[in-house]
Amino acid sequence: MIRFLIRLAGFLLLAGGFASLVIDGTRSIAVSAVTVTRAGDAWYALSPATLNLVQAATERYAAPWLWDPVLVSVLFVPVFALLGGLGFLLLVIGRQPATPIGWSSRD
């Protein structure tokens, strides 16, 4: 059951990454220049309060160095790459284990 939920989340993230790629492609065609939406810009457009809350909580409770070099770098990644990468990773984690060669699959 957990494997199913992990794979479902992976497929949804992969679909979101593909939709973001289509949106960026359409926007690039419209302005005749390559444009990509960064993850930080998308998060700020969806919910600026939670972005500020995560920044404050990370700097206060986790470590100040974790926000600036690590999470800020992640927020500069294009949305399609971030969602697609996370979706692919979840699909790999949730895949069925391979049947060993030489063993009967009829148990």
PDB file of N, CA and C in Angstrom:
ATOM      1  N   MET A   1       0.828  -1.196   0.000  1.00  0.00           N
ATOM      2  CA  MET A   1       0.000   0.000   0.000  1.00  0.00           C
ATOM      3  C   MET A   1       0.873   1.260   0.000  1.00  0.00           C
ATOM      4  N   ILE A   2       1.945   1.224   0.773  1.00  0.00           N
ATOM      5  CA  ILE A   2       2.839   2.383   0.812  1.00  0.00           C
ATOM      6  C   ILE A   2       3.515   2.564  -0.546  1.00  0.00           C
ATOM      7  N   ARG A   3       3.901   1.449  -1.174  1.00  0.00           N
ATOM      8  CA  ARG A   3       4.526   1.518  -2.489  1.00  0.00           C
ATOM      9  C   ARG A   3       3.577   2.165  -3.492  1.00  0.00           C
ATOM     10  N   PHE A   4       2.305   1.849  -3.400  1.00  0.00           N
ATOM     11  CA  PHE A   4       1.304   2.442  -4.295  1.00  0.00           C
ATOM     12  C   PHE A   4       1.226   3.952  -4.080  1.00  0.00           C
ATOM     13  N   LEU A   5       1.205   4.393  -2.835  1.00  0.00           N
ATOM     14  CA  LEU A   5       1.120   5.827  -2.553  1.00  0.00           C
ATOM     15  C   LEU A   5       2.373   6.569  -3.007  1.00  0.00           C
ATOM     16  N   ILE A   6       3.537   5.931  -2.844  1.00  0.00           N
ATOM     17  CA  ILE A   6       4.779   6.559  -3.303  1.00  0.00           C
ATOM     18  C   ILE A   6       4.772   6.696  -4.817  1.00  0.00           C
ATOM     19  N   ARG A   7       4.330   5.642  -5.515  1.00  0.00           N
ATOM     20  CA  ARG A   7       4.274   5.707  -6.972  1.00  0.00           C
ATOM     21  C   ARG A   7       3.227   6.704  -7.448  1.00  0.00           C
ATOM     22  N   LEU A   8       2.104   6.788  -6.763  1.00  0.00           N
ATOM     23  CA  LEU A   8       1.076   7.765  -7.114  1.00  0.00           C
ATOM     24  C   LEU A   8       1.609   9.184  -6.972  1.00  0.00           C
ATOM     25  N   ALA A   9       2.290   9.457  -5.858  1.00  0.00           N
ATOM     26  CA  ALA A   9       2.884  10.781  -5.676  1.00  0.00           C
ATOM     27  C   ALA A   9       3.933  11.052  -6.747  1.00  0.00           C
ATOM     28  N   GLY A  10       4.684  10.028  -7.130  1.00  0.00           N
ATOM     29  CA  GLY A  10       5.679  10.186  -8.181  1.00  0.00           C
ATOM     30  C   GLY A  10       5.051  10.527  -9.520  1.00  0.00           C
ATOM     31  N   PHE A  11       3.962   9.828  -9.858  1.00  0.00           N
ATOM     32  CA  PHE A  11       3.278  10.126 -11.123  1.00  0.00           C
ATOM     33  C   PHE A  11       2.673  11.527 -11.113  1.00  0.00           C
ATOM     34  N   LEU A  12       2.116  11.936  -9.978  1.00  0.00           N
ATOM     35  CA  LEU A  12       1.537  13.279  -9.902  1.00  0.00           C
ATOM     36  C   LEU A  12       2.610  14.362 -10.023  1.00  0.00           C
ATOM     37  N   LEU A  13       3.748  14.148  -9.371  1.00  0.00           N
ATOM     38  CA  LEU A  13       4.837  15.116  -9.489  1.00  0.00           C
ATOM     39  C   LEU A  13       5.399  15.145 -10.906  1.00  0.00           C
ATOM     40  N   LEU A  14       5.503  13.984 -11.530  1.00  0.00           N
ATOM     41  CA  LEU A  14       5.980  13.929 -12.906  1.00  0.00           C
ATOM     42  C   LEU A  14       5.005  14.634 -13.851  1.00  0.00           C
ATOM     43  N   ALA A  15       3.715  14.463 -13.617  1.00  0.00           N
ATOM     44  CA  ALA A  15       2.708  15.167 -14.425  1.00  0.00           C
ATOM     45  C   ALA A  15       2.783  16.673 -14.192  1.00  0.00           C
ATOM     46  N   GLY A  16       3.002  17.082 -12.957  1.00  0.00           N
ATOM     47  CA  GLY A  16       3.159  18.509 -12.674  1.00  0.00           C
ATOM     48  C   GLY A  16       4.394  19.090 -13.335  1.00  0.00           C
ATOM     49  N   GLY A  17       5.479  18.323 -13.351  1.00  0.00           N
ATOM     50  CA  GLY A  17       6.688  18.770 -14.040  1.00  0.00           C
ATOM     51  C   GLY A  17       6.478  18.904 -15.533  1.00  0.00           C
ATOM     52  N   PHE A  18       5.744  17.955 -16.126  1.00  0.00           N
ATOM     53  CA  PHE A  18       5.455  18.040 -17.551  1.00  0.00           C
ATOM     54  C   PHE A  18       4.558  19.240 -17.858  1.00  0.00           C
ATOM     55  N   ALA A  19       3.555  19.475 -17.014  1.00  0.00           N
ATOM     56  CA  ALA A  19       2.680  20.634 -17.214  1.00  0.00           C
ATOM     57  C   ALA A  19       3.475  21.930 -17.098  1.00  0.00           C
ATOM     58  N   SER A  20       4.402  21.984 -16.164  1.00  0.00           N
ATOM     59  CA  SER A  20       5.241  23.171 -16.022  1.00  0.00           C
ATOM     60  C   SER A  20       6.140  23.360 -17.239  1.00  0.00           C
ATOM     61  N   LEU A  21       6.633  22.260 -17.786  1.00  0.00           N
ATOM     62  CA  LEU A  21       7.450  22.342 -18.996  1.00  0.00           C
ATOM     63  C   LEU A  21       6.633  22.873 -20.179  1.00  0.00           C
ATOM     64  N   VAL A  22       5.394  22.435 -20.296  1.00  0.00           N
ATOM     65  CA  VAL A  22       4.521  22.924 -21.367  1.00  0.00           C
ATOM     66  C   VAL A  22       4.225  24.411 -21.173  1.00  0.00           C
ATOM     67  N   ILE A  23       3.968  24.820 -19.950  1.00  0.00           N
ATOM     68  CA  ILE A  23       3.699  26.237 -19.674  1.00  0.00           C
ATOM     69  C   ILE A  23       4.917  27.086 -19.999  1.00  0.00           C
ATOM     70  N   ASP A  24       6.114  26.626 -19.579  1.00  0.00           N
ATOM     71  CA  ASP A  24       7.330  27.377 -19.893  1.00  0.00           C
ATOM     72  C   ASP A  24       7.583  27.415 -21.392  1.00  0.00           C
ATOM     73  N   GLY A  25       7.304  26.317 -22.082  1.00  0.00           N
ATOM     74  CA  GLY A  25       7.478  26.297 -23.534  1.00  0.00           C
ATOM     75  C   GLY A  25       6.529  27.247 -24.233  1.00  0.00           C
ATOM     76  N   THR A  26       5.283  27.271 -23.787  1.00  0.00           N
ATOM     77  CA  THR A  26       4.301  28.176 -24.378  1.00  0.00           C
ATOM     78  C   THR A  26       4.682  29.633 -24.124  1.00  0.00           C
ATOM     79  N   ARG A  27       5.139  29.915 -22.921  1.00  0.00           N
ATOM     80  CA  ARG A  27       5.563  31.279 -22.592  1.00  0.00           C
ATOM     81  C   ARG A  27       6.796  31.667 -23.407  1.00  0.00           C
ATOM     82  N   SER A  28       7.709  30.722 -23.628  1.00  0.00           N
ATOM     83  CA  SER A  28       8.906  31.006 -24.419  1.00  0.00           C
ATOM     84  C   SER A  28       8.545  31.293 -25.871  1.00  0.00           C
ATOM     85  N   ILE A  29       7.591  30.552 -26.414  1.00  0.00           N
ATOM     86  CA  ILE A  29       7.155  30.805 -27.789  1.00  0.00           C
ATOM     87  C   ILE A  29       6.481  32.168 -27.892  1.00  0.00           C
ATOM     88  N   ALA A  30       5.715  32.535 -26.884  1.00  0.00           N
ATOM     89  CA  ALA A  30       4.983  33.804 -26.932  1.00  0.00           C
ATOM     90  C   ALA A  30       5.912  35.010 -26.906  1.00  0.00           C
ATOM     91  N   VAL A  31       7.006  34.936 -26.150  1.00  0.00           N
ATOM     92  CA  VAL A  31       7.901  36.086 -26.047  1.00  0.00           C
ATOM     93  C   VAL A  31       9.139  35.950 -26.925  1.00  0.00           C
ATOM     94  N   SER A  32       9.248  34.854 -27.664  1.00  0.00           N
ATOM     95  CA  SER A  32      10.371  34.591 -28.576  1.00  0.00           C
ATOM     96  C   SER A  32      11.720  34.591 -27.864  1.00  0.00           C
ATOM     97  N   ALA A  33      11.723  34.108 -26.649  1.00  0.00           N
ATOM     98  CA  ALA A  33      12.952  33.957 -25.875  1.00  0.00           C
ATOM     99  C   ALA A  33      12.726  32.836 -24.864  1.00  0.00           C
ATOM    100  N   VAL A  34      13.802  32.175 -24.487  1.00  0.00           N
ATOM    101  CA  VAL A  34      13.671  31.068 -23.541  1.00  0.00           C
ATOM    102  C   VAL A  34      13.401  31.633 -22.144  1.00  0.00           C
ATOM    103  N   THR A  35      12.285  31.218 -21.575  1.00  0.00           N
ATOM    104  CA  THR A  35      11.944  31.610 -20.210  1.00  0.00           C
ATOM    105  C   THR A  35      11.627  30.362 -19.406  1.00  0.00           C
ATOM    106  N   VAL A  36      12.118  30.328 -18.189  1.00  0.00           N
ATOM    107  CA  VAL A  36      11.806  29.226 -17.282  1.00  0.00           C
ATOM    108  C   VAL A  36      11.312  29.806 -15.968  1.00  0.00           C
ATOM    109  N   THR A  37      10.408  29.091 -15.347  1.00  0.00           N
ATOM    110  CA  THR A  37       9.883  29.508 -14.060  1.00  0.00           C
ATOM    111  C   THR A  37      10.688  28.836 -12.966  1.00  0.00           C
ATOM    112  N   ARG A  38      11.275  29.628 -12.087  1.00  0.00           N
ATOM    113  CA  ARG A  38      12.049  29.063 -10.989  1.00  0.00           C
ATOM    114  C   ARG A  38      11.110  28.597  -9.885  1.00  0.00           C
ATOM    115  N   ALA A  39      11.564  27.640  -9.112  1.00  0.00           N
ATOM    116  CA  ALA A  39      10.744  27.069  -8.045  1.00  0.00           C
ATOM    117  C   ALA A  39      10.385  28.119  -6.998  1.00  0.00           C
ATOM    118  N   GLY A  40      11.307  28.999  -6.683  1.00  0.00           N
ATOM    119  CA  GLY A  40      11.029  30.051  -5.708  1.00  0.00           C
ATOM    120  C   GLY A  40       9.964  31.023  -6.193  1.00  0.00           C
ATOM    121  N   ASP A  41      10.010  31.358  -7.467  1.00  0.00           N
ATOM    122  CA  ASP A  41       8.997  32.257  -8.030  1.00  0.00           C
ATOM    123  C   ASP A  41       7.619  31.605  -8.020  1.00  0.00           C
ATOM    124  N   ALA A  42       7.573  30.314  -8.354  1.00  0.00           N
ATOM    125  CA  ALA A  42       6.291  29.605  -8.356  1.00  0.00           C
ATOM    126  C   ALA A  42       5.735  29.487  -6.949  1.00  0.00           C
ATOM    127  N   TRP A  43       6.593  29.178  -5.983  1.00  0.00           N
ATOM    128  CA  TRP A  43       6.146  29.055  -4.596  1.00  0.00           C
ATOM    129  C   TRP A  43       5.655  30.405  -4.084  1.00  0.00           C
ATOM    130  N   TYR A  44       6.376  31.480  -4.423  1.00  0.00           N
ATOM    131  CA  TYR A  44       5.961  32.807  -3.983  1.00  0.00           C
ATOM    132  C   TYR A  44       4.633  33.214  -4.623  1.00  0.00           C
ATOM    133  N   ALA A  45       4.406  32.812  -5.869  1.00  0.00           N
ATOM    134  CA  ALA A  45       3.140  33.131  -6.523  1.00  0.00           C
ATOM    135  C   ALA A  45       1.985  32.356  -5.905  1.00  0.00           C
ATOM    136  N   LEU A  46       2.238  31.123  -5.467  1.00  0.00           N
ATOM    137  CA  LEU A  46       1.178  30.324  -4.865  1.00  0.00           C
ATOM    138  C   LEU A  46       0.880  30.731  -3.427  1.00  0.00           C
ATOM    139  N   SER A  47       1.938  30.897  -2.622  1.00  0.00           N
ATOM    140  CA  SER A  47       1.725  31.204  -1.211  1.00  0.00           C
ATOM    141  C   SER A  47       2.961  31.890  -0.619  1.00  0.00           C
ATOM    142  N   PRO A  48       3.004  33.215  -0.677  1.00  0.00           N
ATOM    143  CA  PRO A  48       4.188  33.908  -0.139  1.00  0.00           C
ATOM    144  C   PRO A  48       4.323  33.775   1.371  1.00  0.00           C
ATOM    145  N   ALA A  49       3.217  33.609   2.070  1.00  0.00           N
ATOM    146  CA  ALA A  49       3.295  33.499   3.527  1.00  0.00           C
ATOM    147  C   ALA A  49       4.016  32.223   3.950  1.00  0.00           C
ATOM    148  N   THR A  50       3.757  31.110   3.263  1.00  0.00           N
ATOM    149  CA  THR A  50       4.428  29.871   3.646  1.00  0.00           C
ATOM    150  C   THR A  50       5.911  29.900   3.287  1.00  0.00           C
ATOM    151  N   LEU A  51       6.272  30.577   2.206  1.00  0.00           N
ATOM    152  CA  LEU A  51       7.687  30.708   1.860  1.00  0.00           C
ATOM    153  C   LEU A  51       8.423  31.476   2.953  1.00  0.00           C
ATOM    154  N   ASN A  52       7.850  32.567   3.409  1.00  0.00           N
ATOM    155  CA  ASN A  52       8.461  33.340   4.496  1.00  0.00           C
ATOM    156  C   ASN A  52       8.476  32.554   5.794  1.00  0.00           C
ATOM    157  N   LEU A  53       7.447  31.774   6.054  1.00  0.00           N
ATOM    158  CA  LEU A  53       7.391  30.951   7.255  1.00  0.00           C
ATOM    159  C   LEU A  53       8.468  29.873   7.245  1.00  0.00           C
ATOM    160  N   VAL A  54       8.668  29.226   6.107  1.00  0.00           N
ATOM    161  CA  VAL A  54       9.714  28.201   6.001  1.00  0.00           C
ATOM    162  C   VAL A  54      11.090  28.829   6.163  1.00  0.00           C
ATOM    163  N   GLN A  55      11.284  30.006   5.599  1.00  0.00           N
ATOM    164  CA  GLN A  55      12.571  30.678   5.762  1.00  0.00           C
ATOM    165  C   GLN A  55      12.833  31.005   7.231  1.00  0.00           C
ATOM    166  N   ALA A  56      11.847  31.570   7.903  1.00  0.00           N
ATOM    167  CA  ALA A  56      12.032  31.929   9.314  1.00  0.00           C
ATOM    168  C   ALA A  56      12.237  30.688  10.186  1.00  0.00           C
ATOM    169  N   ALA A  57      11.470  29.641   9.928  1.00  0.00           N
ATOM    170  CA  ALA A  57      11.607  28.426  10.735  1.00  0.00           C
ATOM    171  C   ALA A  57      12.947  27.742  10.492  1.00  0.00           C
ATOM    172  N   THR A  58      13.402  27.739   9.257  1.00  0.00           N
ATOM    173  CA  THR A  58      14.696  27.113   8.962  1.00  0.00           C
ATOM    174  C   THR A  58      15.831  27.877   9.611  1.00  0.00           C
ATOM    175  N   GLU A  59      15.793  29.181   9.531  1.00  0.00           N
ATOM    176  CA  GLU A  59      16.870  29.976  10.126  1.00  0.00           C
ATOM    177  C   GLU A  59      16.831  29.946  11.643  1.00  0.00           C
ATOM    178  N   ARG A  60      15.655  29.857  12.225  1.00  0.00           N
ATOM    179  CA  ARG A  60      15.550  29.886  13.678  1.00  0.00           C
ATOM    180  C   ARG A  60      15.764  28.515  14.307  1.00  0.00           C
ATOM    181  N   TYR A  61      15.124  27.479  13.784  1.00  0.00           N
ATOM    182  CA  TYR A  61      15.122  26.185  14.459  1.00  0.00           C
ATOM    183  C   TYR A  61      16.126  25.185  13.890  1.00  0.00           C
ATOM    184  N   ALA A  62      16.394  25.229  12.595  1.00  0.00           N
ATOM    185  CA  ALA A  62      17.313  24.236  12.021  1.00  0.00           C
ATOM    186  C   ALA A  62      18.742  24.781  12.056  1.00  0.00           C
ATOM    187  N   ALA A  63      19.083  25.564  11.083  1.00  0.00           N
ATOM    188  CA  ALA A  63      20.413  26.177  11.016  1.00  0.00           C
ATOM    189  C   ALA A  63      20.367  27.298   9.987  1.00  0.00           C
ATOM    190  N   PRO A  64      20.974  28.439  10.306  1.00  0.00           N
ATOM    191  CA  PRO A  64      20.940  29.551   9.350  1.00  0.00           C
ATOM    192  C   PRO A  64      21.659  29.214   8.035  1.00  0.00           C
ATOM    193  N   TRP A  65      22.714  28.408   8.087  1.00  0.00           N
ATOM    194  CA  TRP A  65      23.447  28.053   6.876  1.00  0.00           C
ATOM    195  C   TRP A  65      22.637  27.128   5.974  1.00  0.00           C
ATOM    196  N   LEU A  66      21.624  26.467   6.521  1.00  0.00           N
ATOM    197  CA  LEU A  66      20.812  25.566   5.710  1.00  0.00           C
ATOM    198  C   LEU A  66      19.925  26.341   4.739  1.00  0.00           C
ATOM    199  N   TRP A  67      19.481  27.525   5.133  1.00  0.00           N
ATOM    200  CA  TRP A  67      18.599  28.297   4.255  1.00  0.00           C
ATOM    201  C   TRP A  67      19.367  28.908   3.095  1.00  0.00           C
ATOM    202  N   ASP A  68      20.449  29.651   3.428  1.00  0.00           N
ATOM    203  CA  ASP A  68      21.080  30.440   2.371  1.00  0.00           C
ATOM    204  C   ASP A  68      21.794  29.603   1.323  1.00  0.00           C
ATOM    205  N   PRO A  69      22.742  28.762   1.606  1.00  0.00           N
ATOM    206  CA  PRO A  69      23.352  28.095   0.451  1.00  0.00           C
ATOM    207  C   PRO A  69      22.549  26.908  -0.080  1.00  0.00           C
ATOM    208  N   VAL A  70      21.816  26.206   0.783  1.00  0.00           N
ATOM    209  CA  VAL A  70      21.184  24.961   0.348  1.00  0.00           C
ATOM    210  C   VAL A  70      19.800  25.214  -0.237  1.00  0.00           C
ATOM    211  N   LEU A  71      18.884  25.723   0.551  1.00  0.00           N
ATOM    212  CA  LEU A  71      17.506  25.872   0.090  1.00  0.00           C
ATOM    213  C   LEU A  71      17.333  26.985  -0.940  1.00  0.00           C
ATOM    214  N   VAL A  72      18.130  28.009  -0.852  1.00  0.00           N
ATOM    215  CA  VAL A  72      18.058  29.060  -1.866  1.00  0.00           C
ATOM    216  C   VAL A  72      18.508  28.510  -3.217  1.00  0.00           C
ATOM    217  N   SER A  73      19.505  27.633  -3.217  1.00  0.00           N
ATOM    218  CA  SER A  73      19.940  26.995  -4.464  1.00  0.00           C
ATOM    219  C   SER A  73      18.828  26.128  -5.049  1.00  0.00           C
ATOM    220  N   VAL A  74      18.090  25.448  -4.199  1.00  0.00           N
ATOM    221  CA  VAL A  74      16.975  24.624  -4.664  1.00  0.00           C
ATOM    222  C   VAL A  74      15.867  25.499  -5.233  1.00  0.00           C
ATOM    223  N   LEU A  75      15.652  26.662  -4.657  1.00  0.00           N
ATOM    224  CA  LEU A  75      14.600  27.552  -5.139  1.00  0.00           C
ATOM    225  C   LEU A  75      14.939  28.192  -6.486  1.00  0.00           C
ATOM    226  N   PHE A  76      16.197  28.159  -6.908  1.00  0.00           N
ATOM    227  CA  PHE A  76      16.581  28.683  -8.214  1.00  0.00           C
ATOM    228  C   PHE A  76      16.458  27.651  -9.328  1.00  0.00           C
ATOM    229  N   VAL A  77      16.167  26.407  -8.985  1.00  0.00           N
ATOM    230  CA  VAL A  77      16.016  25.343  -9.979  1.00  0.00           C
ATOM    231  C   VAL A  77      14.689  25.542 -10.709  1.00  0.00           C
ATOM    232  N   PRO A  78      14.647  25.286 -12.022  1.00  0.00           N
ATOM    233  CA  PRO A  78      13.364  25.380 -12.735  1.00  0.00           C
ATOM    234  C   PRO A  78      12.340  24.400 -12.172  1.00  0.00           C
ATOM    235  N   VAL A  79      11.086  24.798 -12.185  1.00  0.00           N
ATOM    236  CA  VAL A  79      10.019  23.986 -11.593  1.00  0.00           C
ATOM    237  C   VAL A  79       9.910  22.635 -12.283  1.00  0.00           C
ATOM    238  N   PHE A  80      10.021  22.614 -13.627  1.00  0.00           N
ATOM    239  CA  PHE A  80       9.858  21.341 -14.325  1.00  0.00           C
ATOM    240  C   PHE A  80      10.976  20.365 -13.951  1.00  0.00           C
ATOM    241  N   ALA A  81      12.185  20.861 -13.721  1.00  0.00           N
ATOM    242  CA  ALA A  81      13.283  19.978 -13.339  1.00  0.00           C
ATOM    243  C   ALA A  81      13.104  19.476 -11.902  1.00  0.00           C
ATOM    244  N   LEU A  82      12.660  20.345 -11.026  1.00  0.00           N
ATOM    245  CA  LEU A  82      12.468  19.949  -9.630  1.00  0.00           C
ATOM    246  C   LEU A  82      11.343  18.930  -9.499  1.00  0.00           C
ATOM    247  N   LEU A  83      10.192  19.225 -10.072  1.00  0.00           N
ATOM    248  CA  LEU A  83       9.067  18.295  -9.973  1.00  0.00           C
ATOM    249  C   LEU A  83       9.342  17.003 -10.727  1.00  0.00           C
ATOM    250  N   GLY A  84       9.929  17.114 -11.906  1.00  0.00           N
ATOM    251  CA  GLY A  84      10.247  15.917 -12.676  1.00  0.00           C
ATOM    252  C   GLY A  84      11.274  15.048 -11.981  1.00  0.00           C
ATOM    253  N   GLY A  85      12.282  15.660 -11.399  1.00  0.00           N
ATOM    254  CA  GLY A  85      13.308  14.899 -10.679  1.00  0.00           C
ATOM    255  C   GLY A  85      12.753  14.212  -9.441  1.00  0.00           C
ATOM    256  N   LEU A  86      11.946  14.935  -8.674  1.00  0.00           N
ATOM    257  CA  LEU A  86      11.337  14.322  -7.488  1.00  0.00           C
ATOM    258  C   LEU A  86      10.365  13.215  -7.871  1.00  0.00           C
ATOM    259  N   GLY A  87       9.603  13.422  -8.935  1.00  0.00           N
ATOM    260  CA  GLY A  87       8.676  12.397  -9.398  1.00  0.00           C
ATOM    261  C   GLY A  87       9.404  11.148  -9.860  1.00  0.00           C
ATOM    262  N   PHE A  88      10.479  11.327 -10.623  1.00  0.00           N
ATOM    263  CA  PHE A  88      11.261  10.189 -11.081  1.00  0.00           C
ATOM    264  C   PHE A  88      11.885   9.445  -9.904  1.00  0.00           C
ATOM    265  N   LEU A  89      12.390  10.193  -8.920  1.00  0.00           N
ATOM    266  CA  LEU A  89      12.977   9.565  -7.733  1.00  0.00           C
ATOM    267  C   LEU A  89      11.945   8.745  -6.971  1.00  0.00           C
ATOM    268  N   LEU A  90      10.738   9.273  -6.810  1.00  0.00           N
ATOM    269  CA  LEU A  90       9.693   8.517  -6.121  1.00  0.00           C
ATOM    270  C   LEU A  90       9.262   7.295  -6.921  1.00  0.00           C
ATOM    271  N   LEU A  91       9.255   7.387  -8.236  1.00  0.00           N
ATOM    272  CA  LEU A  91       8.923   6.225  -9.050  1.00  0.00           C
ATOM    273  C   LEU A  91       9.987   5.134  -8.921  1.00  0.00           C
ATOM    274  N   VAL A  92      11.237   5.530  -8.840  1.00  0.00           N
ATOM    275  CA  VAL A  92      12.307   4.547  -8.661  1.00  0.00           C
ATOM    276  C   VAL A  92      12.230   3.915  -7.278  1.00  0.00           C
ATOM    277  N   ILE A  93      11.939   4.706  -6.269  1.00  0.00           N
ATOM    278  CA  ILE A  93      11.826   4.177  -4.906  1.00  0.00           C
ATOM    279  C   ILE A  93      10.643   3.228  -4.784  1.00  0.00           C
ATOM    280  N   GLY A  94       9.538   3.526  -5.450  1.00  0.00           N
ATOM    281  CA  GLY A  94       8.328   2.737  -5.305  1.00  0.00           C
ATOM    282  C   GLY A  94       8.159   1.606  -6.288  1.00  0.00           C
ATOM    283  N   ARG A  95       9.171   1.315  -7.086  1.00  0.00           N
ATOM    284  CA  ARG A  95       9.005   0.253  -8.087  1.00  0.00           C
ATOM    285  C   ARG A  95       8.997  -1.122  -7.429  1.00  0.00           C
ATOM    286  N   GLN A  96       8.473  -2.093  -8.168  1.00  0.00           N
ATOM    287  CA  GLN A  96       8.418  -3.471  -7.706  1.00  0.00           C
ATOM    288  C   GLN A  96       9.829  -4.040  -7.675  1.00  0.00           C
ATOM    289  N   PRO A  97      10.159  -4.816  -6.645  1.00  0.00           N
ATOM    290  CA  PRO A  97      11.481  -5.433  -6.642  1.00  0.00           C
ATOM    291  C   PRO A  97      11.579  -6.479  -7.755  1.00  0.00           C
ATOM    292  N   ALA A  98      12.744  -6.560  -8.346  1.00  0.00           N
ATOM    293  CA  ALA A  98      12.950  -7.493  -9.447  1.00  0.00           C
ATOM    294  C   ALA A  98      12.952  -8.923  -8.927  1.00  0.00           C
ATOM    295  N   THR A  99      12.386  -9.838  -9.711  1.00  0.00           N
ATOM    296  CA  THR A  99      12.389 -11.252  -9.355  1.00  0.00           C
ATOM    297  C   THR A  99      13.791 -11.799  -9.603  1.00  0.00           C
ATOM    298  N   PRO A 100      14.403 -12.441  -8.618  1.00  0.00           N
ATOM    299  CA  PRO A 100      15.748 -12.966  -8.823  1.00  0.00           C
ATOM    300  C   PRO A 100      15.753 -14.063  -9.875  1.00  0.00           C
ATOM    301  N   ILE A 101      16.785 -14.075 -10.649  1.00  0.00           N
ATOM    302  CA  ILE A 101      16.916 -15.093 -11.692  1.00  0.00           C
ATOM    303  C   ILE A 101      17.211 -16.428 -11.021  1.00  0.00           C
ATOM    304  N   GLY A 102      16.522 -17.470 -11.472  1.00  0.00           N
ATOM    305  CA  GLY A 102      16.747 -18.787 -10.917  1.00  0.00           C
ATOM    306  C   GLY A 102      15.749 -19.176  -9.835  1.00  0.00           C
ATOM    307  N   TRP A 103      14.871 -18.250  -9.453  1.00  0.00           N
ATOM    308  CA  TRP A 103      13.874 -18.528  -8.445  1.00  0.00           C
ATOM    309  C   TRP A 103      12.504 -18.567  -9.100  1.00  0.00           C
ATOM    310  N   SER A 104      11.665 -19.414  -8.619  1.00  0.00           N
ATOM    311  CA  SER A 104      10.337 -19.533  -9.164  1.00  0.00           C
ATOM    312  C   SER A 104       9.481 -18.359  -8.717  1.00  0.00           C
ATOM    313  N   SER A 105       8.743 -17.773  -9.651  1.00  0.00           N
ATOM    314  CA  SER A 105       7.858 -16.676  -9.290  1.00  0.00           C
ATOM    315  C   SER A 105       6.486 -17.180  -8.868  1.00  0.00           C
ATOM    316  N   ARG A 106       6.289 -18.505  -8.926  1.00  0.00           N
ATOM    317  CA  ARG A 106       5.003 -19.093  -8.540  1.00  0.00           C
ATOM    318  C   ARG A 106       5.091 -19.612  -7.111  1.00  0.00           C
ATOM    319  N   ASP A 107       4.869 -18.758  -6.162  1.00  0.00           N
ATOM    320  CA  ASP A 107       4.885 -19.172  -4.756  1.00  0.00           C
ATOM    321  C   ASP A 107       3.516 -19.178  -4.175  1.00  0.00           C
TER     322      ASP A 107
END
